[in-house]
Amino acid sequence: MQIRTVAAILIWVVAALLILNMMLRSVWILLISIAMTIIAVVIYFTPRLRK
Protein backbone atom coordinates (compact mmCIF):
# COMPACT_ATOMS: atom_id res chain seq x y z
CA MET A 1 0.00 0.00 0.00
CA GLN A 2 1.34 3.41 -0.89
CA ILE A 3 2.02 6.10 1.66
CA ARG A 4 -0.50 8.51 0.17
CA THR A 5 -3.20 5.84 0.32
CA VAL A 6 -2.57 5.44 4.05
CA ALA A 7 -2.81 9.21 4.50
CA ALA A 8 -6.09 9.29 2.61
CA ILE A 9 -7.52 6.47 4.73
CA LEU A 10 -6.49 8.36 7.88
CA ILE A 11 -8.33 11.46 6.65
CA TRP A 12 -11.50 9.39 6.06
CA VAL A 13 -11.22 8.01 9.61
CA VAL A 14 -10.82 11.57 10.92
CA ALA A 15 -13.94 12.63 9.02
CA ALA A 16 -15.89 9.75 10.57
CA LEU A 17 -14.61 10.68 14.04
CA LEU A 18 -15.64 14.31 13.56
CA ILE A 19 -19.15 13.23 12.54
CA LEU A 20 -19.27 11.03 15.63
CA ASN A 21 -18.02 13.96 17.69
CA MET A 22 -20.99 16.08 16.56
CA MET A 23 -23.27 13.60 18.30
CA LEU A 24 -21.21 12.84 21.40
CA ARG A 25 -19.53 16.23 22.00
CA SER A 26 -16.38 14.59 23.36
CA VAL A 27 -13.17 16.56 23.75
CA TRP A 28 -11.10 13.37 23.47
CA ILE A 29 -12.48 12.53 20.03
CA LEU A 30 -11.66 16.06 18.88
CA LEU A 31 -8.08 15.81 20.18
CA ILE A 32 -7.60 12.41 18.54
CA SER A 33 -8.95 13.80 15.28
CA ILE A 34 -6.54 16.73 15.36
CA ALA A 35 -3.61 14.43 16.10
CA MET A 36 -4.57 12.03 13.29
CA THR A 37 -4.89 14.94 10.86
CA ILE A 38 -1.39 16.13 11.70
CA ILE A 39 -0.04 12.59 11.29
CA ALA A 40 -1.81 12.21 7.93
CA VAL A 41 -0.37 15.50 6.63
CA VAL A 42 3.13 14.52 7.73
CA ILE A 43 2.77 11.08 6.10
CA TYR A 44 1.43 12.63 2.90
CA PHE A 45 4.24 15.15 2.48
CA THR A 46 7.14 12.96 3.71
CA PRO A 47 8.13 11.65 0.23
CA ARG A 48 8.34 15.23 -1.09
CA LEU A 49 10.56 16.34 1.80
CA ARG A 50 13.07 13.53 1.19
CA LYS A 51 13.87 14.71 -2.35
C-alpha atoms as a PDB file:
ATOM      1  CA  MET A   1       0.000   0.000   0.000  1.00  0.00           C
ATOM      2  CA  GLN A   2       1.339   3.405  -0.895  1.00  0.00           C
ATOM      3  CA  ILE A   3       2.021   6.103   1.658  1.00  0.00           C
ATOM      4  CA  ARG A   4      -0.497   8.513   0.168  1.00  0.00           C
ATOM      5  CA  THR A   5      -3.205   5.845   0.325  1.00  0.00           C
ATOM      6  CA  VAL A   6      -2.566   5.437   4.046  1.00  0.00           C
ATOM      7  CA  ALA A   7      -2.807   9.206   4.505  1.00  0.00           C
ATOM      8  CA  ALA A   8      -6.093   9.294   2.605  1.00  0.00           C
ATOM      9  CA  ILE A   9      -7.517   6.474   4.731  1.00  0.00           C
ATOM     10  CA  LEU A  10      -6.491   8.365   7.878  1.00  0.00           C
ATOM     11  CA  ILE A  11      -8.331  11.463   6.648  1.00  0.00           C
ATOM     12  CA  TRP A  12     -11.499   9.385   6.058  1.00  0.00           C
ATOM     13  CA  VAL A  13     -11.224   8.014   9.610  1.00  0.00           C
ATOM     14  CA  VAL A  14     -10.821  11.568  10.924  1.00  0.00           C
ATOM     15  CA  ALA A  15     -13.939  12.633   9.017  1.00  0.00           C
ATOM     16  CA  ALA A  16     -15.892   9.754  10.569  1.00  0.00           C
ATOM     17  CA  LEU A  17     -14.614  10.682  14.036  1.00  0.00           C
ATOM     18  CA  LEU A  18     -15.642  14.309  13.564  1.00  0.00           C
ATOM     19  CA  ILE A  19     -19.146  13.231  12.542  1.00  0.00           C
ATOM     20  CA  LEU A  20     -19.270  11.025  15.633  1.00  0.00           C
ATOM     21  CA  ASN A  21     -18.019  13.959  17.687  1.00  0.00           C
ATOM     22  CA  MET A  22     -20.986  16.078  16.561  1.00  0.00           C
ATOM     23  CA  MET A  23     -23.275  13.599  18.303  1.00  0.00           C
ATOM     24  CA  LEU A  24     -21.210  12.835  21.405  1.00  0.00           C
ATOM     25  CA  ARG A  25     -19.528  16.229  22.005  1.00  0.00           C
ATOM     26  CA  SER A  26     -16.376  14.591  23.361  1.00  0.00           C
ATOM     27  CA  VAL A  27     -13.168  16.563  23.755  1.00  0.00           C
ATOM     28  CA  TRP A  28     -11.100  13.367  23.472  1.00  0.00           C
ATOM     29  CA  ILE A  29     -12.482  12.532  20.031  1.00  0.00           C
ATOM     30  CA  LEU A  30     -11.665  16.059  18.880  1.00  0.00           C
ATOM     31  CA  LEU A  31      -8.082  15.810  20.175  1.00  0.00           C
ATOM     32  CA  ILE A  32      -7.603  12.406  18.543  1.00  0.00           C
ATOM     33  CA  SER A  33      -8.948  13.805  15.279  1.00  0.00           C
ATOM     34  CA  ILE A  34      -6.536  16.733  15.365  1.00  0.00           C
ATOM     35  CA  ALA A  35      -3.608  14.426  16.101  1.00  0.00           C
ATOM     36  CA  MET A  36      -4.570  12.033  13.288  1.00  0.00           C
ATOM     37  CA  THR A  37      -4.891  14.939  10.856  1.00  0.00           C
ATOM     38  CA  ILE A  38      -1.391  16.132  11.701  1.00  0.00           C
ATOM     39  CA  ILE A  39      -0.043  12.590  11.286  1.00  0.00           C
ATOM     40  CA  ALA A  40      -1.812  12.212   7.926  1.00  0.00           C
ATOM     41  CA  VAL A  41      -0.367  15.503   6.634  1.00  0.00           C
ATOM     42  CA  VAL A  42       3.129  14.516   7.732  1.00  0.00           C
ATOM     43  CA  ILE A  43       2.772  11.084   6.099  1.00  0.00           C
ATOM     44  CA  TYR A  44       1.430  12.635   2.898  1.00  0.00           C
ATOM     45  CA  PHE A  45       4.245  15.153   2.479  1.00  0.00           C
ATOM     46  CA  THR A  46       7.140  12.964   3.710  1.00  0.00           C
ATOM     47  CA  PRO A  47       8.126  11.650   0.227  1.00  0.00           C
ATOM     48  CA  ARG A  48       8.344  15.230  -1.090  1.00  0.00           C
ATOM     49  CA  LEU A  49      10.557  16.342   1.797  1.00  0.00           C
ATOM     50  CA  ARG A  50      13.072  13.530   1.191  1.00  0.00           C
ATOM     51  CA  LYS A  51      13.868  14.708  -2.352  1.00  0.00           C
END
